[in-house]
Amino acid sequence: RSWYPHYFDISSEKFVEMMLLDSCFVVEYLLRCHQDFPDELSTILCMH
């Protein structure tokens, strides 16, 4: 939270859920791009 200086009204539970989902998506996305792993996103035009 200290990295985001602007106030945002979100509970601790929702904040943890949000950051977990977002962080896991970024890490998994980087892994899939590195491994050239095709998935549903790869079939959507211009998605990457």
ModelCIF file with pLDDT and N, C-alpha, C, O atoms, coordinates in Angstrom:
data_MODEL
#
_entry.id   MODEL 
#
_entity.id                         1 
_entity.type                       polymer 
_entity.pdbx_number_of_molecules   1 
#
_entity_poly.entity_id                      1 
_entity_poly.type                           'polypeptide(L)' 
_entity_poly.nstd_linkage                   no 
_entity_poly.nstd_monomer                   no 
_entity_poly.pdbx_seq_one_letter_code       RSWYPHYFDISSEKFVEMMLLDSCFVVEYLLRCHQDFPDELSTILCMH 
_entity_poly.pdbx_seq_one_letter_code_can   RSWYPHYFDISSEKFVEMMLLDSCFVVEYLLRCHQDFPDELSTILCMH 
_entity_poly.pdbx_strand_id                 A 
#
loop_
_entity_poly_seq.entity_id 
_entity_poly_seq.num 
_entity_poly_seq.mon_id 
_entity_poly_seq.hetero 
1 1  ARG n 
1 2  SER n 
1 3  TRP n 
1 4  TYR n 
1 5  PRO n 
1 6  HIS n 
1 7  TYR n 
1 8  PHE n 
1 9  ASP n 
1 10 ILE n 
1 11 SER n 
1 12 SER n 
1 13 GLU n 
1 14 LYS n 
1 15 PHE n 
1 16 VAL n 
1 17 GLU n 
1 18 MET n 
1 19 MET n 
1 20 LEU n 
1 21 LEU n 
1 22 ASP n 
1 23 SER n 
1 24 CYS n 
1 25 PHE n 
1 26 VAL n 
1 27 VAL n 
1 28 GLU n 
1 29 TYR n 
1 30 LEU n 
1 31 LEU n 
1 32 ARG n 
1 33 CYS n 
1 34 HIS n 
1 35 GLN n 
1 36 ASP n 
1 37 PHE n 
1 38 PRO n 
1 39 ASP n 
1 40 GLU n 
1 41 LEU n 
1 42 SER n 
1 43 THR n 
1 44 ILE n 
1 45 LEU n 
1 46 CYS n 
1 47 MET n 
1 48 HIS n 
#
_struct_asym.id          A 
_struct_asym.entity_id   1 
#
loop_
_ma_qa_metric.id 
_ma_qa_metric.mode 
_ma_qa_metric.name 
_ma_qa_metric.software_group_id 
_ma_qa_metric.type 
1 global pLDDT . pLDDT 
2 local  pLDDT . pLDDT 
#
_ma_qa_metric_global.metric_id      1 
_ma_qa_metric_global.metric_value   91.85 
_ma_qa_metric_global.model_id       1 
_ma_qa_metric_global.ordinal_id     1 
#
loop_
_ma_qa_metric_local.label_asym_id 
_ma_qa_metric_local.label_comp_id 
_ma_qa_metric_local.label_seq_id 
_ma_qa_metric_local.metric_id 
_ma_qa_metric_local.metric_value 
_ma_qa_metric_local.model_id 
_ma_qa_metric_local.ordinal_id 
A ARG 1  2 94.00 1 1  
A SER 2  2 93.00 1 2  
A TRP 3  2 95.00 1 3  
A TYR 4  2 94.00 1 4  
A PRO 5  2 89.00 1 5  
A HIS 6  2 80.00 1 6  
A TYR 7  2 71.00 1 7  
A PHE 8  2 75.00 1 8  
A ASP 9  2 83.00 1 9  
A ILE 10 2 89.00 1 10 
A SER 11 2 94.00 1 11 
A SER 12 2 95.00 1 12 
A GLU 13 2 96.00 1 13 
A LYS 14 2 96.00 1 14 
A PHE 15 2 97.00 1 15 
A VAL 16 2 97.00 1 16 
A GLU 17 2 98.00 1 17 
A MET 18 2 97.00 1 18 
A MET 19 2 98.00 1 19 
A LEU 20 2 98.00 1 20 
A LEU 21 2 98.00 1 21 
A ASP 22 2 98.00 1 22 
A SER 23 2 98.00 1 23 
A CYS 24 2 98.00 1 24 
A PHE 25 2 98.00 1 25 
A VAL 26 2 98.00 1 26 
A VAL 27 2 97.00 1 27 
A GLU 28 2 97.00 1 28 
A TYR 29 2 96.00 1 29 
A LEU 30 2 96.00 1 30 
A LEU 31 2 95.00 1 31 
A ARG 32 2 94.00 1 32 
A CYS 33 2 92.00 1 33 
A HIS 34 2 91.00 1 34 
A GLN 35 2 89.00 1 35 
A ASP 36 2 88.00 1 36 
A PHE 37 2 86.00 1 37 
A PRO 38 2 85.00 1 38 
A ASP 39 2 87.00 1 39 
A GLU 40 2 89.00 1 40 
A LEU 41 2 91.00 1 41 
A SER 42 2 87.00 1 42 
A THR 43 2 87.00 1 43 
A ILE 44 2 88.00 1 44 
A LEU 45 2 83.00 1 45 
A CYS 46 2 89.00 1 46 
A MET 47 2 93.00 1 47 
A HIS 48 2 92.00 1 48 
#
loop_
_atom_site.group_PDB 
_atom_site.id 
_atom_site.type_symbol 
_atom_site.label_atom_id 
_atom_site.label_alt_id 
_atom_site.label_comp_id 
_atom_site.label_asym_id 
_atom_site.label_entity_id 
_atom_site.label_seq_id 
_atom_site.pdbx_PDB_ins_code 
_atom_site.Cartn_x 
_atom_site.Cartn_y 
_atom_site.Cartn_z 
_atom_site.occupancy 
_atom_site.B_iso_or_equiv 
_atom_site.pdbx_formal_charge 
_atom_site.auth_seq_id 
_atom_site.auth_comp_id 
_atom_site.auth_asym_id 
_atom_site.auth_atom_id 
_atom_site.pdbx_PDB_model_num 
ATOM 1   N N  . ARG A 1 1  ? 0.822   -1.214  0.000   1.00 94.00 ? 1  ARG A N  1 
ATOM 2   C CA . ARG A 1 1  ? 0.000   0.000   0.000   1.00 94.00 ? 1  ARG A CA 1 
ATOM 3   C C  . ARG A 1 1  ? 0.856   1.264   0.000   1.00 94.00 ? 1  ARG A C  1 
ATOM 4   O O  . ARG A 1 1  ? 0.461   2.276   -0.579  1.00 94.00 ? 1  ARG A O  1 
ATOM 5   N N  . SER A 1 2  ? 2.023   1.216   0.643   1.00 93.00 ? 2  SER A N  1 
ATOM 6   C CA . SER A 1 2  ? 2.876   2.407   0.729   1.00 93.00 ? 2  SER A CA 1 
ATOM 7   C C  . SER A 1 2  ? 3.422   2.824   -0.631  1.00 93.00 ? 2  SER A C  1 
ATOM 8   O O  . SER A 1 2  ? 3.885   3.953   -0.794  1.00 93.00 ? 2  SER A O  1 
ATOM 9   N N  . TRP A 1 3  ? 3.371   1.928   -1.603  1.00 95.00 ? 3  TRP A N  1 
ATOM 10  C CA . TRP A 1 3  ? 3.858   2.256   -2.945  1.00 95.00 ? 3  TRP A CA 1 
ATOM 11  C C  . TRP A 1 3  ? 2.831   3.026   -3.759  1.00 95.00 ? 3  TRP A C  1 
ATOM 12  O O  . TRP A 1 3  ? 3.156   3.594   -4.802  1.00 95.00 ? 3  TRP A O  1 
ATOM 13  N N  . TYR A 1 4  ? 1.578   3.045   -3.277  1.00 94.00 ? 4  TYR A N  1 
ATOM 14  C CA . TYR A 1 4  ? 0.510   3.751   -3.987  1.00 94.00 ? 4  TYR A CA 1 
ATOM 15  C C  . TYR A 1 4  ? 0.068   4.933   -3.128  1.00 94.00 ? 4  TYR A C  1 
ATOM 16  O O  . TYR A 1 4  ? -0.776  4.765   -2.247  1.00 94.00 ? 4  TYR A O  1 
ATOM 17  N N  . PRO A 1 5  ? 0.620   6.125   -3.362  1.00 89.00 ? 5  PRO A N  1 
ATOM 18  C CA . PRO A 1 5  ? 0.401   7.255   -2.446  1.00 89.00 ? 5  PRO A CA 1 
ATOM 19  C C  . PRO A 1 5  ? -0.999  7.858   -2.500  1.00 89.00 ? 5  PRO A C  1 
ATOM 20  O O  . PRO A 1 5  ? -1.396  8.568   -1.577  1.00 89.00 ? 5  PRO A O  1 
ATOM 21  N N  . HIS A 1 6  ? -1.743  7.592   -3.549  1.00 80.00 ? 6  HIS A N  1 
ATOM 22  C CA . HIS A 1 6  ? -3.080  8.185   -3.649  1.00 80.00 ? 6  HIS A CA 1 
ATOM 23  C C  . HIS A 1 6  ? -4.104  7.308   -2.955  1.00 80.00 ? 6  HIS A C  1 
ATOM 24  O O  . HIS A 1 6  ? -4.078  6.084   -3.079  1.00 80.00 ? 6  HIS A O  1 
ATOM 25  N N  . TYR A 1 7  ? -4.989  7.935   -2.236  1.00 71.00 ? 7  TYR A N  1 
ATOM 26  C CA . TYR A 1 7  ? -5.967  7.213   -1.417  1.00 71.00 ? 7  TYR A CA 1 
ATOM 27  C C  . TYR A 1 7  ? -6.915  6.392   -2.284  1.00 71.00 ? 7  TYR A C  1 
ATOM 28  O O  . TYR A 1 7  ? -7.414  6.863   -3.306  1.00 71.00 ? 7  TYR A O  1 
ATOM 29  N N  . PHE A 1 8  ? -7.149  5.172   -1.860  1.00 75.00 ? 8  PHE A N  1 
ATOM 30  C CA . PHE A 1 8  ? -8.168  4.336   -2.495  1.00 75.00 ? 8  PHE A CA 1 
ATOM 31  C C  . PHE A 1 8  ? -8.859  3.543   -1.391  1.00 75.00 ? 8  PHE A C  1 
ATOM 32  O O  . PHE A 1 8  ? -8.210  2.933   -0.541  1.00 75.00 ? 8  PHE A O  1 
ATOM 33  N N  . ASP A 1 9  ? -10.175 3.565   -1.424  1.00 83.00 ? 9  ASP A N  1 
ATOM 34  C CA . ASP A 1 9  ? -10.994 2.959   -0.371  1.00 83.00 ? 9  ASP A CA 1 
ATOM 35  C C  . ASP A 1 9  ? -11.271 1.500   -0.716  1.00 83.00 ? 9  ASP A C  1 
ATOM 36  O O  . ASP A 1 9  ? -12.183 1.191   -1.484  1.00 83.00 ? 9  ASP A O  1 
ATOM 37  N N  . ILE A 1 10 ? -10.475 0.615   -0.139  1.00 89.00 ? 10 ILE A N  1 
ATOM 38  C CA . ILE A 1 10 ? -10.632 -0.811  -0.398  1.00 89.00 ? 10 ILE A CA 1 
ATOM 39  C C  . ILE A 1 10 ? -10.236 -1.564  0.864   1.00 89.00 ? 10 ILE A C  1 
ATOM 40  O O  . ILE A 1 10 ? -9.203  -1.266  1.464   1.00 89.00 ? 10 ILE A O  1 
ATOM 41  N N  . SER A 1 11 ? -11.033 -2.522  1.267   1.00 94.00 ? 11 SER A N  1 
ATOM 42  C CA . SER A 1 11 ? -10.776 -3.260  2.502   1.00 94.00 ? 11 SER A CA 1 
ATOM 43  C C  . SER A 1 11 ? -9.529  -4.123  2.363   1.00 94.00 ? 11 SER A C  1 
ATOM 44  O O  . SER A 1 11 ? -9.056  -4.392  1.259   1.00 94.00 ? 11 SER A O  1 
ATOM 45  N N  . SER A 1 12 ? -9.009  -4.550  3.512   1.00 95.00 ? 12 SER A N  1 
ATOM 46  C CA . SER A 1 12 ? -7.817  -5.389  3.515   1.00 95.00 ? 12 SER A CA 1 
ATOM 47  C C  . SER A 1 12 ? -8.053  -6.687  2.744   1.00 95.00 ? 12 SER A C  1 
ATOM 48  O O  . SER A 1 12 ? -7.197  -7.116  1.970   1.00 95.00 ? 12 SER A O  1 
ATOM 49  N N  . GLU A 1 13 ? -9.196  -7.303  2.951   1.00 96.00 ? 13 GLU A N  1 
ATOM 50  C CA . GLU A 1 13 ? -9.501  -8.571  2.281   1.00 96.00 ? 13 GLU A CA 1 
ATOM 51  C C  . GLU A 1 13 ? -9.542  -8.395  0.765   1.00 96.00 ? 13 GLU A C  1 
ATOM 52  O O  . GLU A 1 13 ? -8.970  -9.199  0.029   1.00 96.00 ? 13 GLU A O  1 
ATOM 53  N N  . LYS A 1 14 ? -10.215 -7.347  0.300   1.00 96.00 ? 14 LYS A N  1 
ATOM 54  C CA . LYS A 1 14 ? -10.315 -7.094  -1.134  1.00 96.00 ? 14 LYS A CA 1 
ATOM 55  C C  . LYS A 1 14 ? -8.961  -6.706  -1.726  1.00 96.00 ? 14 LYS A C  1 
ATOM 56  O O  . LYS A 1 14 ? -8.632  -7.077  -2.853  1.00 96.00 ? 14 LYS A O  1 
ATOM 57  N N  . PHE A 1 15 ? -8.178  -5.949  -0.942  1.00 97.00 ? 15 PHE A N  1 
ATOM 58  C CA . PHE A 1 15 ? -6.862  -5.533  -1.423  1.00 97.00 ? 15 PHE A CA 1 
ATOM 59  C C  . PHE A 1 15 ? -5.957  -6.746  -1.633  1.00 97.00 ? 15 PHE A C  1 
ATOM 60  O O  . PHE A 1 15 ? -5.277  -6.852  -2.654  1.00 97.00 ? 15 PHE A O  1 
ATOM 61  N N  . VAL A 1 16 ? -5.953  -7.652  -0.669  1.00 97.00 ? 16 VAL A N  1 
ATOM 62  C CA . VAL A 1 16 ? -5.127  -8.862  -0.772  1.00 97.00 ? 16 VAL A CA 1 
ATOM 63  C C  . VAL A 1 16 ? -5.570  -9.701  -1.966  1.00 97.00 ? 16 VAL A C  1 
ATOM 64  O O  . VAL A 1 16 ? -4.738  -10.204 -2.721  1.00 97.00 ? 16 VAL A O  1 
ATOM 65  N N  . GLU A 1 17 ? -6.885  -9.849  -2.136  1.00 98.00 ? 17 GLU A N  1 
ATOM 66  C CA . GLU A 1 17 ? -7.399  -10.627 -3.273  1.00 98.00 ? 17 GLU A CA 1 
ATOM 67  C C  . GLU A 1 17 ? -6.991  -9.990  -4.601  1.00 98.00 ? 17 GLU A C  1 
ATOM 68  O O  . GLU A 1 17 ? -6.543  -10.678 -5.517  1.00 98.00 ? 17 GLU A O  1 
ATOM 69  N N  . MET A 1 18 ? -7.149  -8.681  -4.693  1.00 97.00 ? 18 MET A N  1 
ATOM 70  C CA . MET A 1 18 ? -6.798  -7.956  -5.921  1.00 97.00 ? 18 MET A CA 1 
ATOM 71  C C  . MET A 1 18 ? -5.321  -8.119  -6.260  1.00 97.00 ? 18 MET A C  1 
ATOM 72  O O  . MET A 1 18 ? -4.982  -8.453  -7.395  1.00 97.00 ? 18 MET A O  1 
ATOM 73  N N  . MET A 1 19 ? -4.435  -7.885  -5.284  1.00 98.00 ? 19 MET A N  1 
ATOM 74  C CA . MET A 1 19 ? -3.009  -7.947  -5.545  1.00 98.00 ? 19 MET A CA 1 
ATOM 75  C C  . MET A 1 19 ? -2.551  -9.370  -5.858  1.00 98.00 ? 19 MET A C  1 
ATOM 76  O O  . MET A 1 19 ? -1.640  -9.569  -6.662  1.00 98.00 ? 19 MET A O  1 
ATOM 77  N N  . LEU A 1 20 ? -3.180  -10.355 -5.224  1.00 98.00 ? 20 LEU A N  1 
ATOM 78  C CA . LEU A 1 20 ? -2.826  -11.747 -5.500  1.00 98.00 ? 20 LEU A CA 1 
ATOM 79  C C  . LEU A 1 20 ? -3.207  -12.121 -6.930  1.00 98.00 ? 20 LEU A C  1 
ATOM 80  O O  . LEU A 1 20 ? -2.405  -12.707 -7.657  1.00 98.00 ? 20 LEU A O  1 
ATOM 81  N N  . LEU A 1 21 ? -4.422  -11.785 -7.330  1.00 98.00 ? 21 LEU A N  1 
ATOM 82  C CA . LEU A 1 21 ? -4.873  -12.105 -8.688  1.00 98.00 ? 21 LEU A CA 1 
ATOM 83  C C  . LEU A 1 21 ? -4.023  -11.376 -9.731  1.00 98.00 ? 21 LEU A C  1 
ATOM 84  O O  . LEU A 1 21 ? -3.603  -11.974 -10.722 1.00 98.00 ? 21 LEU A O  1 
ATOM 85  N N  . ASP A 1 22 ? -3.773  -10.098 -9.507  1.00 98.00 ? 22 ASP A N  1 
ATOM 86  C CA . ASP A 1 22 ? -3.011  -9.314  -10.486 1.00 98.00 ? 22 ASP A CA 1 
ATOM 87  C C  . ASP A 1 22 ? -1.567  -9.794  -10.579 1.00 98.00 ? 22 ASP A C  1 
ATOM 88  O O  . ASP A 1 22 ? -1.024  -9.929  -11.676 1.00 98.00 ? 22 ASP A O  1 
ATOM 89  N N  . SER A 1 23 ? -0.943  -10.053 -9.428  1.00 98.00 ? 23 SER A N  1 
ATOM 90  C CA . SER A 1 23 ? 0.452   -10.495 -9.414  1.00 98.00 ? 23 SER A CA 1 
ATOM 91  C C  . SER A 1 23 ? 0.608   -11.867 -10.060 1.00 98.00 ? 23 SER A C  1 
ATOM 92  O O  . SER A 1 23 ? 1.541   -12.099 -10.829 1.00 98.00 ? 23 SER A O  1 
ATOM 93  N N  . CYS A 1 24 ? -0.298  -12.756 -9.746  1.00 98.00 ? 24 CYS A N  1 
ATOM 94  C CA . CYS A 1 24 ? -0.231  -14.101 -10.327 1.00 98.00 ? 24 CYS A CA 1 
ATOM 95  C C  . CYS A 1 24 ? -0.453  -14.057 -11.832 1.00 98.00 ? 24 CYS A C  1 
ATOM 96  O O  . CYS A 1 24 ? 0.175   -14.810 -12.576 1.00 98.00 ? 24 CYS A O  1 
ATOM 97  N N  . PHE A 1 25 ? -1.348  -13.177 -12.285 1.00 98.00 ? 25 PHE A N  1 
ATOM 98  C CA . PHE A 1 25 ? -1.559  -13.065 -13.726 1.00 98.00 ? 25 PHE A CA 1 
ATOM 99  C C  . PHE A 1 25 ? -0.277  -12.612 -14.420 1.00 98.00 ? 25 PHE A C  1 
ATOM 100 O O  . PHE A 1 25 ? 0.108   -13.185 -15.440 1.00 98.00 ? 25 PHE A O  1 
ATOM 101 N N  . VAL A 1 26 ? 0.390   -11.584 -13.877 1.00 98.00 ? 26 VAL A N  1 
ATOM 102 C CA . VAL A 1 26 ? 1.604   -11.058 -14.513 1.00 98.00 ? 26 VAL A CA 1 
ATOM 103 C C  . VAL A 1 26 ? 2.685   -12.129 -14.564 1.00 98.00 ? 26 VAL A C  1 
ATOM 104 O O  . VAL A 1 26 ? 3.309   -12.322 -15.607 1.00 98.00 ? 26 VAL A O  1 
ATOM 105 N N  . VAL A 1 27 ? 2.918   -12.829 -13.456 1.00 97.00 ? 27 VAL A N  1 
ATOM 106 C CA . VAL A 1 27 ? 3.966   -13.852 -13.412 1.00 97.00 ? 27 VAL A CA 1 
ATOM 107 C C  . VAL A 1 27 ? 3.647   -14.991 -14.378 1.00 97.00 ? 27 VAL A C  1 
ATOM 108 O O  . VAL A 1 27 ? 4.515   -15.418 -15.140 1.00 97.00 ? 27 VAL A O  1 
ATOM 109 N N  . GLU A 1 28 ? 2.413   -15.481 -14.353 1.00 97.00 ? 28 GLU A N  1 
ATOM 110 C CA . GLU A 1 28 ? 2.027   -16.572 -15.248 1.00 97.00 ? 28 GLU A CA 1 
ATOM 111 C C  . GLU A 1 28 ? 2.095   -16.127 -16.704 1.00 97.00 ? 28 GLU A C  1 
ATOM 112 O O  . GLU A 1 28 ? 2.488   -16.902 -17.576 1.00 97.00 ? 28 GLU A O  1 
ATOM 113 N N  . TYR A 1 29 ? 1.716   -14.888 -16.965 1.00 96.00 ? 29 TYR A N  1 
ATOM 114 C CA . TYR A 1 29 ? 1.761   -14.367 -18.343 1.00 96.00 ? 29 TYR A CA 1 
ATOM 115 C C  . TYR A 1 29 ? 3.201   -14.306 -18.843 1.00 96.00 ? 29 TYR A C  1 
ATOM 116 O O  . TYR A 1 29 ? 3.473   -14.680 -19.985 1.00 96.00 ? 29 TYR A O  1 
ATOM 117 N N  . LEU A 1 30 ? 4.126   -13.841 -18.005 1.00 96.00 ? 30 LEU A N  1 
ATOM 118 C CA . LEU A 1 30 ? 5.535   -13.797 -18.393 1.00 96.00 ? 30 LEU A CA 1 
ATOM 119 C C  . LEU A 1 30 ? 6.069   -15.201 -18.659 1.00 96.00 ? 30 LEU A C  1 
ATOM 120 O O  . LEU A 1 30 ? 6.829   -15.414 -19.603 1.00 96.00 ? 30 LEU A O  1 
ATOM 121 N N  . LEU A 1 31 ? 5.668   -16.158 -17.820 1.00 95.00 ? 31 LEU A N  1 
ATOM 122 C CA . LEU A 1 31 ? 6.100   -17.545 -18.015 1.00 95.00 ? 31 LEU A CA 1 
ATOM 123 C C  . LEU A 1 31 ? 5.573   -18.101 -19.335 1.00 95.00 ? 31 LEU A C  1 
ATOM 124 O O  . LEU A 1 31 ? 6.316   -18.746 -20.074 1.00 95.00 ? 31 LEU A O  1 
ATOM 125 N N  . ARG A 1 32 ? 4.326   -17.862 -19.629 1.00 94.00 ? 32 ARG A N  1 
ATOM 126 C CA . ARG A 1 32 ? 3.733   -18.395 -20.863 1.00 94.00 ? 32 ARG A CA 1 
ATOM 127 C C  . ARG A 1 32 ? 4.356   -17.761 -22.102 1.00 94.00 ? 32 ARG A C  1 
ATOM 128 O O  . ARG A 1 32 ? 4.570   -18.439 -23.107 1.00 94.00 ? 32 ARG A O  1 
ATOM 129 N N  . CYS A 1 33 ? 4.644   -16.481 -22.036 1.00 92.00 ? 33 CYS A N  1 
ATOM 130 C CA . CYS A 1 33 ? 5.307   -15.826 -23.172 1.00 92.00 ? 33 CYS A CA 1 
ATOM 131 C C  . CYS A 1 33 ? 6.708   -16.390 -23.374 1.00 92.00 ? 33 CYS A C  1 
ATOM 132 O O  . CYS A 1 33 ? 7.140   -16.599 -24.507 1.00 92.00 ? 33 CYS A O  1 
ATOM 133 N N  . HIS A 1 34 ? 7.417   -16.634 -22.275 1.00 91.00 ? 34 HIS A N  1 
ATOM 134 C CA . HIS A 1 34 ? 8.764   -17.180 -22.356 1.00 91.00 ? 34 HIS A CA 1 
ATOM 135 C C  . HIS A 1 34 ? 8.757   -18.600 -22.913 1.00 91.00 ? 34 HIS A C  1 
ATOM 136 O O  . HIS A 1 34 ? 9.627   -18.973 -23.700 1.00 91.00 ? 34 HIS A O  1 
ATOM 137 N N  . GLN A 1 35 ? 7.774   -19.380 -22.501 1.00 89.00 ? 35 GLN A N  1 
ATOM 138 C CA . GLN A 1 35 ? 7.681   -20.776 -22.932 1.00 89.00 ? 35 GLN A CA 1 
ATOM 139 C C  . GLN A 1 35 ? 6.916   -20.936 -24.239 1.00 89.00 ? 35 GLN A C  1 
ATOM 140 O O  . GLN A 1 35 ? 6.751   -22.046 -24.743 1.00 89.00 ? 35 GLN A O  1 
ATOM 141 N N  . ASP A 1 36 ? 6.444   -19.791 -24.792 1.00 88.00 ? 36 ASP A N  1 
ATOM 142 C CA . ASP A 1 36 ? 5.642   -19.805 -26.020 1.00 88.00 ? 36 ASP A CA 1 
ATOM 143 C C  . ASP A 1 36 ? 4.483   -20.788 -25.890 1.00 88.00 ? 36 ASP A C  1 
ATOM 144 O O  . ASP A 1 36 ? 4.227   -21.617 -26.764 1.00 88.00 ? 36 ASP A O  1 
ATOM 145 N N  . PHE A 1 37 ? 3.791   -20.655 -24.750 1.00 86.00 ? 37 PHE A N  1 
ATOM 146 C CA . PHE A 1 37 ? 2.696   -21.568 -24.415 1.00 86.00 ? 37 PHE A CA 1 
ATOM 147 C C  . PHE A 1 37 ? 1.376   -21.017 -24.962 1.00 86.00 ? 37 PHE A C  1 
ATOM 148 O O  . PHE A 1 37 ? 0.925   -19.965 -24.510 1.00 86.00 ? 37 PHE A O  1 
ATOM 149 N N  . PRO A 1 38 ? 0.753   -21.695 -25.913 1.00 85.00 ? 38 PRO A N  1 
ATOM 150 C CA . PRO A 1 38 ? -0.501  -21.170 -26.481 1.00 85.00 ? 38 PRO A CA 1 
ATOM 151 C C  . PRO A 1 38 ? -1.672  -21.370 -25.524 1.00 85.00 ? 38 PRO A C  1 
ATOM 152 O O  . PRO A 1 38 ? -1.789  -22.422 -24.897 1.00 85.00 ? 38 PRO A O  1 
ATOM 153 N N  . ASP A 1 39 ? -2.525  -20.378 -25.412 1.00 87.00 ? 39 ASP A N  1 
ATOM 154 C CA . ASP A 1 39 ? -3.737  -20.506 -24.611 1.00 87.00 ? 39 ASP A CA 1 
ATOM 155 C C  . ASP A 1 39 ? -4.849  -19.701 -25.278 1.00 87.00 ? 39 ASP A C  1 
ATOM 156 O O  . ASP A 1 39 ? -4.712  -19.258 -26.419 1.00 87.00 ? 39 ASP A O  1 
ATOM 157 N N  . GLU A 1 40 ? -5.931  -19.521 -24.565 1.00 89.00 ? 40 GLU A N  1 
ATOM 158 C CA . GLU A 1 40 ? -7.087  -18.854 -25.157 1.00 89.00 ? 40 GLU A CA 1 
ATOM 159 C C  . GLU A 1 40 ? -6.780  -17.416 -25.560 1.00 89.00 ? 40 GLU A C  1 
ATOM 160 O O  . GLU A 1 40 ? -7.290  -16.934 -26.572 1.00 89.00 ? 40 GLU A O  1 
ATOM 161 N N  . LEU A 1 41 ? -5.952  -16.728 -24.778 1.00 91.00 ? 41 LEU A N  1 
ATOM 162 C CA . LEU A 1 41 ? -5.610  -15.351 -25.101 1.00 91.00 ? 41 LEU A CA 1 
ATOM 163 C C  . LEU A 1 41 ? -4.874  -15.250 -26.437 1.00 91.00 ? 41 LEU A C  1 
ATOM 164 O O  . LEU A 1 41 ? -5.003  -14.259 -27.155 1.00 91.00 ? 41 LEU A O  1 
ATOM 165 N N  . SER A 1 42 ? -4.097  -16.293 -26.762 1.00 87.00 ? 42 SER A N  1 
ATOM 166 C CA . SER A 1 42 ? -3.321  -16.279 -28.003 1.00 87.00 ? 42 SER A CA 1 
ATOM 167 C C  . SER A 1 42 ? -4.204  -16.333 -29.236 1.00 87.00 ? 42 SER A C  1 
ATOM 168 O O  . SER A 1 42 ? -3.779  -15.945 -30.324 1.00 87.00 ? 42 SER A O  1 
ATOM 169 N N  . THR A 1 43 ? -5.420  -16.807 -29.074 1.00 87.00 ? 43 THR A N  1 
ATOM 170 C CA . THR A 1 43 ? -6.322  -16.935 -30.224 1.00 87.00 ? 43 THR A CA 1 
ATOM 171 C C  . THR A 1 43 ? -7.113  -15.659 -30.496 1.00 87.00 ? 43 THR A C  1 
ATOM 172 O O  . THR A 1 43 ? -7.789  -15.554 -31.519 1.00 87.00 ? 43 THR A O  1 
ATOM 173 N N  . ILE A 1 44 ? -7.031  -14.688 -29.585 1.00 88.00 ? 44 ILE A N  1 
ATOM 174 C CA . ILE A 1 44 ? -7.779  -13.433 -29.746 1.00 88.00 ? 44 ILE A CA 1 
ATOM 175 C C  . ILE A 1 44 ? -6.899  -12.430 -30.475 1.00 88.00 ? 44 ILE A C  1 
ATOM 176 O O  . ILE A 1 44 ? -5.780  -12.151 -30.044 1.00 88.00 ? 44 ILE A O  1 
ATOM 177 N N  . LEU A 1 45 ? -7.397  -11.891 -31.571 1.00 83.00 ? 45 LEU A N  1 
ATOM 178 C CA . LEU A 1 45 ? -6.623  -11.000 -32.425 1.00 83.00 ? 45 LEU A CA 1 
ATOM 179 C C  . LEU A 1 45 ? -6.113  -9.782  -31.644 1.00 83.00 ? 45 LEU A C  1 
ATOM 180 O O  . LEU A 1 45 ? -6.877  -9.098  -30.964 1.00 83.00 ? 45 LEU A O  1 
ATOM 181 N N  . CYS A 1 46 ? -4.818  -9.533  -31.760 1.00 89.00 ? 46 CYS A N  1 
ATOM 182 C CA . CYS A 1 46 ? -4.147  -8.360  -31.158 1.00 89.00 ? 46 CYS A CA 1 
ATOM 183 C C  . CYS A 1 46 ? -4.148  -8.369  -29.630 1.00 89.00 ? 46 CYS A C  1 
ATOM 184 O O  . CYS A 1 46 ? -3.785  -7.360  -29.027 1.00 89.00 ? 46 CYS A O  1 
ATOM 185 N N  . MET A 1 47 ? -4.542  -9.467  -28.981 1.00 93.00 ? 47 MET A N  1 
ATOM 186 C CA . MET A 1 47 ? -4.626  -9.484  -27.525 1.00 93.00 ? 47 MET A CA 1 
ATOM 187 C C  . MET A 1 47 ? -3.278  -9.212  -26.866 1.00 93.00 ? 47 MET A C  1 
ATOM 188 O O  . MET A 1 47 ? -3.199  -8.451  -25.901 1.00 93.00 ? 47 MET A O  1 
ATOM 189 N N  . HIS A 1 48 ? -2.218  -9.832  -27.385 1.00 92.00 ? 48 HIS A N  1 
ATOM 190 C CA . HIS A 1 48 ? -0.904  -9.642  -26.762 1.00 92.00 ? 48 HIS A CA 1 
ATOM 191 C C  . HIS A 1 48 ? -0.424  -8.198  -26.906 1.00 92.00 ? 48 HIS A C  1 
ATOM 192 O O  . HIS A 1 48 ? 0.663   -7.860  -26.439 1.00 92.00 ? 48 HIS A O  1 
#
